[in-house]
Amino acid sequence: MKRLLGIILLAIWIPALLPASEFDELVREFSRQTGSPQTRIPFFGIARFVVAVSHPAGTSDLRLAVFEHPNVLPRDFGKVADDVVGGGWNRIVRAQSRKGESTNIYTRRDGNHLRLLVATVDGDDATFVELRIRPEALMKFVDEHRCDRH
C-alpha cells in the first residue's frame, strides 16, 4: 500500500518539477491575455499518468486547462486562441454556434505521432485539451467502435 501511494505521489509531483512545456506557455499566455486564472483540476495528474501508461486509443499524453469565466467574448475567442497557439499548429476546424460557443481544433506532427489541440469556449468556461496520439492506433480504435446504423 505504501508503495502504491508513493507511485501515485510521484506521478502527481514529477510533472510539477519538469520545465514548462509549450502547452504550459499557451496556458500562461491565455491567462495573461484574458486576465483569467487557470482552474486547477484535483487529481488530474493521476489521469495523465494512467494515459501515459495505458495508451488508450493510441494516446500517450493528455493535457487539460480550464478557465472559469474568461474575459473573452466567444466571437473573439478564435483570434485569441490562434494568437496563443502560435504558428507551429495548423487549424483544421473553427466552429461557432448561435448560442455563443466557439471551438478551434489544431493539429501538428510530432515524429510518428500527431498532436491534437482543442480550444473551446462556451460563455462560462474556456477549455484547452492537448493529446499526443499515434494516428494508426486512433484509426484502429475508430474502426473497432464504428456504428454502422443506416
C-alpha atoms as a PDB file:
ATOM      1  CA  MET A   1       0.000   0.000   0.000  1.00  0.00           C
ATOM      2  CA  LYS A   2       2.845   2.402   0.829  1.00  0.00           C
ATOM      3  CA  ARG A   3       4.473   1.599  -2.479  1.00  0.00           C
ATOM      4  CA  LEU A   4       1.258   2.369  -4.390  1.00  0.00           C
ATOM      5  CA  LEU A   5       0.863   5.647  -2.505  1.00  0.00           C
ATOM      6  CA  GLY A   6       4.484   6.521  -3.334  1.00  0.00           C
ATOM      7  CA  ILE A   7       3.912   5.845  -7.039  1.00  0.00           C
ATOM      8  CA  ILE A   8       0.769   7.977  -7.071  1.00  0.00           C
ATOM      9  CA  LEU A   9       2.512  10.871  -5.317  1.00  0.00           C
ATOM     10  CA  LEU A  10       5.431  10.595  -7.720  1.00  0.00           C
ATOM     11  CA  ALA A  11       3.047  10.679 -10.701  1.00  0.00           C
ATOM     12  CA  ILE A  12       1.478  13.848  -9.341  1.00  0.00           C
ATOM     13  CA  TRP A  13       4.667  15.702  -8.402  1.00  0.00           C
ATOM     14  CA  ILE A  14       7.047  14.869 -11.280  1.00  0.00           C
ATOM     15  CA  PRO A  15       5.153  16.996 -13.845  1.00  0.00           C
ATOM     16  CA  ALA A  16       5.359  19.953 -11.443  1.00  0.00           C
ATOM     17  CA  LEU A  17       9.153  19.652 -11.307  1.00  0.00           C
ATOM     18  CA  LEU A  18       9.703  19.486 -15.066  1.00  0.00           C
ATOM     19  CA  PRO A  19      10.391  22.634 -17.089  1.00  0.00           C
ATOM     20  CA  ALA A  20       7.384  24.387 -18.592  1.00  0.00           C
ATOM     21  CA  SER A  21       6.082  22.800 -21.782  1.00  0.00           C
ATOM     22  CA  GLU A  22       4.716  24.537 -24.830  1.00  0.00           C
ATOM     23  CA  PHE A  23       1.226  23.777 -23.524  1.00  0.00           C
ATOM     24  CA  ASP A  24       2.068  25.460 -20.217  1.00  0.00           C
ATOM     25  CA  GLU A  25       3.257  28.519 -22.132  1.00  0.00           C
ATOM     26  CA  LEU A  26      -0.001  28.548 -24.113  1.00  0.00           C
ATOM     27  CA  VAL A  27      -1.990  28.390 -20.873  1.00  0.00           C
ATOM     28  CA  ARG A  28       0.016  31.228 -19.304  1.00  0.00           C
ATOM     29  CA  GLU A  29      -0.419  33.388 -22.403  1.00  0.00           C
ATOM     30  CA  PHE A  30      -4.192  32.807 -22.500  1.00  0.00           C
ATOM     31  CA  SER A  31      -4.385  33.663 -18.812  1.00  0.00           C
ATOM     32  CA  ARG A  32      -2.350  36.828 -19.404  1.00  0.00           C
ATOM     33  CA  GLN A  33      -4.446  37.958 -22.379  1.00  0.00           C
ATOM     34  CA  THR A  34      -7.814  37.283 -20.736  1.00  0.00           C
ATOM     35  CA  GLY A  35      -6.962  38.031 -17.107  1.00  0.00           C
ATOM     36  CA  SER A  36      -8.445  34.670 -16.115  1.00  0.00           C
ATOM     37  CA  PRO A  37      -6.534  32.248 -13.877  1.00  0.00           C
ATOM     38  CA  GLN A  38      -6.421  28.557 -14.735  1.00  0.00           C
ATOM     39  CA  THR A  39      -8.751  26.386 -12.652  1.00  0.00           C
ATOM     40  CA  ARG A  40      -6.872  23.502 -11.034  1.00  0.00           C
ATOM     41  CA  ILE A  41      -8.390  20.061 -11.519  1.00  0.00           C
ATOM     42  CA  PRO A  42      -7.819  17.824  -8.467  1.00  0.00           C
ATOM     43  CA  PHE A  43      -6.018  14.528  -9.161  1.00  0.00           C
ATOM     44  CA  PHE A  44      -5.646  15.240 -12.885  1.00  0.00           C
ATOM     45  CA  GLY A  45      -2.012  14.165 -12.581  1.00  0.00           C
ATOM     46  CA  ILE A  46      -3.256  10.644 -11.883  1.00  0.00           C
ATOM     47  CA  ALA A  47      -5.355  10.686 -15.063  1.00  0.00           C
ATOM     48  CA  ARG A  48      -2.314  11.845 -17.056  1.00  0.00           C
ATOM     49  CA  PHE A  49      -0.260   9.020 -15.529  1.00  0.00           C
ATOM     50  CA  VAL A  50      -2.886   6.416 -16.478  1.00  0.00           C
ATOM     51  CA  VAL A  51      -2.967   7.717 -20.067  1.00  0.00           C
ATOM     52  CA  ALA A  52       0.848   7.701 -20.263  1.00  0.00           C
ATOM     53  CA  VAL A  53       0.974   4.083 -19.070  1.00  0.00           C
ATOM     54  CA  SER A  54      -2.060   2.542 -20.798  1.00  0.00           C
ATOM     55  CA  HIS A  55      -2.101   4.482 -24.135  1.00  0.00           C
ATOM     56  CA  PRO A  56      -5.891   4.354 -24.698  1.00  0.00           C
ATOM     57  CA  ALA A  57      -6.726   4.630 -28.412  1.00  0.00           C
ATOM     58  CA  GLY A  58      -3.062   5.408 -29.109  1.00  0.00           C
ATOM     59  CA  THR A  59      -2.957   8.436 -26.790  1.00  0.00           C
ATOM     60  CA  SER A  60       0.332   8.817 -24.912  1.00  0.00           C
ATOM     61  CA  ASP A  61      -0.097  12.296 -23.419  1.00  0.00           C
ATOM     62  CA  LEU A  62      -3.073  14.278 -22.196  1.00  0.00           C
ATOM     63  CA  ARG A  63      -3.036  17.922 -21.101  1.00  0.00           C
ATOM     64  CA  LEU A  64      -6.017  19.952 -19.870  1.00  0.00           C
ATOM     65  CA  ALA A  65      -6.506  23.589 -18.903  1.00  0.00           C
ATOM     66  CA  VAL A  66      -9.842  25.028 -17.782  1.00  0.00           C
ATOM     67  CA  PHE A  67     -10.613  28.699 -17.225  1.00  0.00           C
ATOM     68  CA  GLU A  68     -13.818  29.733 -15.476  1.00  0.00           C
ATOM     69  CA  HIS A  69     -15.447  32.982 -16.601  1.00  0.00           C
ATOM     70  CA  PRO A  70     -12.721  34.043 -19.045  1.00  0.00           C
ATOM     71  CA  ASN A  71     -12.723  37.678 -20.014  1.00  0.00           C
ATOM     72  CA  VAL A  72     -13.128  36.970 -23.739  1.00  0.00           C
ATOM     73  CA  LEU A  73     -16.164  37.152 -25.975  1.00  0.00           C
ATOM     74  CA  PRO A  74     -16.947  33.955 -27.906  1.00  0.00           C
ATOM     75  CA  ARG A  75     -16.758  35.872 -31.209  1.00  0.00           C
ATOM     76  CA  ASP A  76     -13.209  36.986 -30.276  1.00  0.00           C
ATOM     77  CA  PHE A  77     -12.122  33.599 -28.924  1.00  0.00           C
ATOM     78  CA  GLY A  78     -10.976  32.256 -32.307  1.00  0.00           C
ATOM     79  CA  LYS A  79      -8.451  35.063 -32.756  1.00  0.00           C
ATOM     80  CA  VAL A  80      -7.248  34.873 -29.149  1.00  0.00           C
ATOM     81  CA  ALA A  81      -6.841  31.091 -29.462  1.00  0.00           C
ATOM     82  CA  ASP A  82      -4.946  31.486 -32.751  1.00  0.00           C
ATOM     83  CA  ASP A  83      -2.655  34.054 -31.095  1.00  0.00           C
ATOM     84  CA  VAL A  84      -1.798  31.927 -28.060  1.00  0.00           C
ATOM     85  CA  VAL A  85      -1.442  28.677 -30.029  1.00  0.00           C
ATOM     86  CA  GLY A  86       1.117  30.178 -32.388  1.00  0.00           C
ATOM     87  CA  GLY A  87       2.361  29.310 -35.840  1.00  0.00           C
ATOM     88  CA  GLY A  88       3.520  25.741 -35.246  1.00  0.00           C
ATOM     89  CA  TRP A  89      -0.057  24.443 -35.303  1.00  0.00           C
ATOM     90  CA  ASN A  90      -2.455  24.029 -38.239  1.00  0.00           C
ATOM     91  CA  ARG A  91      -6.053  24.989 -37.521  1.00  0.00           C
ATOM     92  CA  ILE A  92      -8.308  22.388 -39.118  1.00  0.00           C
ATOM     93  CA  VAL A  93     -11.674  23.383 -37.595  1.00  0.00           C
ATOM     94  CA  ARG A  94     -13.216  26.657 -36.463  1.00  0.00           C
ATOM     95  CA  ALA A  95     -16.857  26.476 -35.411  1.00  0.00           C
ATOM     96  CA  GLN A  96     -19.138  28.997 -33.743  1.00  0.00           C
ATOM     97  CA  SER A  97     -22.676  28.380 -32.601  1.00  0.00           C
ATOM     98  CA  ARG A  98     -25.546  30.800 -32.312  1.00  0.00           C
ATOM     99  CA  LYS A  99     -25.545  30.107 -28.572  1.00  0.00           C
ATOM    100  CA  GLY A 100     -22.134  31.756 -28.203  1.00  0.00           C
ATOM    101  CA  GLU A 101     -19.945  28.667 -28.210  1.00  0.00           C
ATOM    102  CA  SER A 102     -16.706  28.644 -30.168  1.00  0.00           C
ATOM    103  CA  THR A 103     -14.307  25.769 -30.890  1.00  0.00           C
ATOM    104  CA  ASN A 104     -10.988  25.611 -32.704  1.00  0.00           C
ATOM    105  CA  ILE A 105      -9.159  22.346 -33.427  1.00  0.00           C
ATOM    106  CA  TYR A 106      -5.461  22.348 -34.315  1.00  0.00           C
ATOM    107  CA  THR A 107      -3.037  19.597 -35.346  1.00  0.00           C
ATOM    108  CA  ARG A 108       0.679  19.216 -35.697  1.00  0.00           C
ATOM    109  CA  ARG A 109       3.082  16.358 -36.484  1.00  0.00           C
ATOM    110  CA  ASP A 110       5.379  15.188 -33.697  1.00  0.00           C
ATOM    111  CA  GLY A 111       7.609  12.489 -35.156  1.00  0.00           C
ATOM    112  CA  ASN A 112       5.419   9.402 -35.658  1.00  0.00           C
ATOM    113  CA  HIS A 113       2.727  10.988 -33.507  1.00  0.00           C
ATOM    114  CA  LEU A 114       0.075  13.603 -34.068  1.00  0.00           C
ATOM    115  CA  ARG A 115      -0.643  16.362 -31.585  1.00  0.00           C
ATOM    116  CA  LEU A 116      -4.261  17.435 -31.406  1.00  0.00           C
ATOM    117  CA  LEU A 117      -5.273  20.622 -29.594  1.00  0.00           C
ATOM    118  CA  VAL A 118      -8.899  21.512 -28.959  1.00  0.00           C
ATOM    119  CA  ALA A 119      -9.680  25.035 -27.730  1.00  0.00           C
ATOM    120  CA  THR A 120     -13.264  25.840 -26.824  1.00  0.00           C
ATOM    121  CA  VAL A 121     -15.300  28.485 -25.020  1.00  0.00           C
ATOM    122  CA  ASP A 122     -18.964  28.196 -24.070  1.00  0.00           C
ATOM    123  CA  GLY A 123     -19.573  31.537 -22.403  1.00  0.00           C
ATOM    124  CA  ASP A 124     -18.820  30.428 -18.853  1.00  0.00           C
ATOM    125  CA  ASP A 125     -15.707  28.329 -19.425  1.00  0.00           C
ATOM    126  CA  ALA A 126     -12.761  28.114 -21.772  1.00  0.00           C
ATOM    127  CA  THR A 127     -11.019  24.770 -22.147  1.00  0.00           C
ATOM    128  CA  PHE A 128      -7.809  23.667 -23.858  1.00  0.00           C
ATOM    129  CA  VAL A 129      -7.144  19.940 -24.334  1.00  0.00           C
ATOM    130  CA  GLU A 130      -3.990  18.592 -25.948  1.00  0.00           C
ATOM    131  CA  LEU A 131      -3.483  14.951 -26.920  1.00  0.00           C
ATOM    132  CA  ARG A 132      -0.457  13.169 -28.337  1.00  0.00           C
ATOM    133  CA  ILE A 133      -1.751  10.322 -30.492  1.00  0.00           C
ATOM    134  CA  ARG A 134      -0.428   7.557 -32.729  1.00  0.00           C
ATOM    135  CA  PRO A 135      -2.635   8.039 -35.820  1.00  0.00           C
ATOM    136  CA  GLU A 136      -2.727   4.341 -36.764  1.00  0.00           C
ATOM    137  CA  ALA A 137      -3.855   3.332 -33.256  1.00  0.00           C
ATOM    138  CA  LEU A 138      -6.551   6.009 -33.284  1.00  0.00           C
ATOM    139  CA  MET A 139      -7.858   4.811 -36.666  1.00  0.00           C
ATOM    140  CA  LYS A 140      -7.906   1.211 -35.408  1.00  0.00           C
ATOM    141  CA  PHE A 141      -9.883   2.347 -32.342  1.00  0.00           C
ATOM    142  CA  VAL A 142     -12.359   4.250 -34.550  1.00  0.00           C
ATOM    143  CA  ASP A 143     -12.768   1.260 -36.892  1.00  0.00           C
ATOM    144  CA  GLU A 144     -13.374  -1.103 -33.963  1.00  0.00           C
ATOM    145  CA  HIS A 145     -16.026   1.171 -32.468  1.00  0.00           C
ATOM    146  CA  ARG A 146     -17.784   2.190 -35.656  1.00  0.00           C
ATOM    147  CA  CYS A 147     -21.539   2.087 -35.531  1.00  0.00           C
ATOM    148  CA  ASP A 148     -22.905   1.132 -38.957  1.00  0.00           C
ATOM    149  CA  ARG A 149     -26.552   2.094 -38.480  1.00  0.00           C
ATOM    150  CA  HIS A 150     -28.314   3.387 -41.575  1.00  0.00           C
END
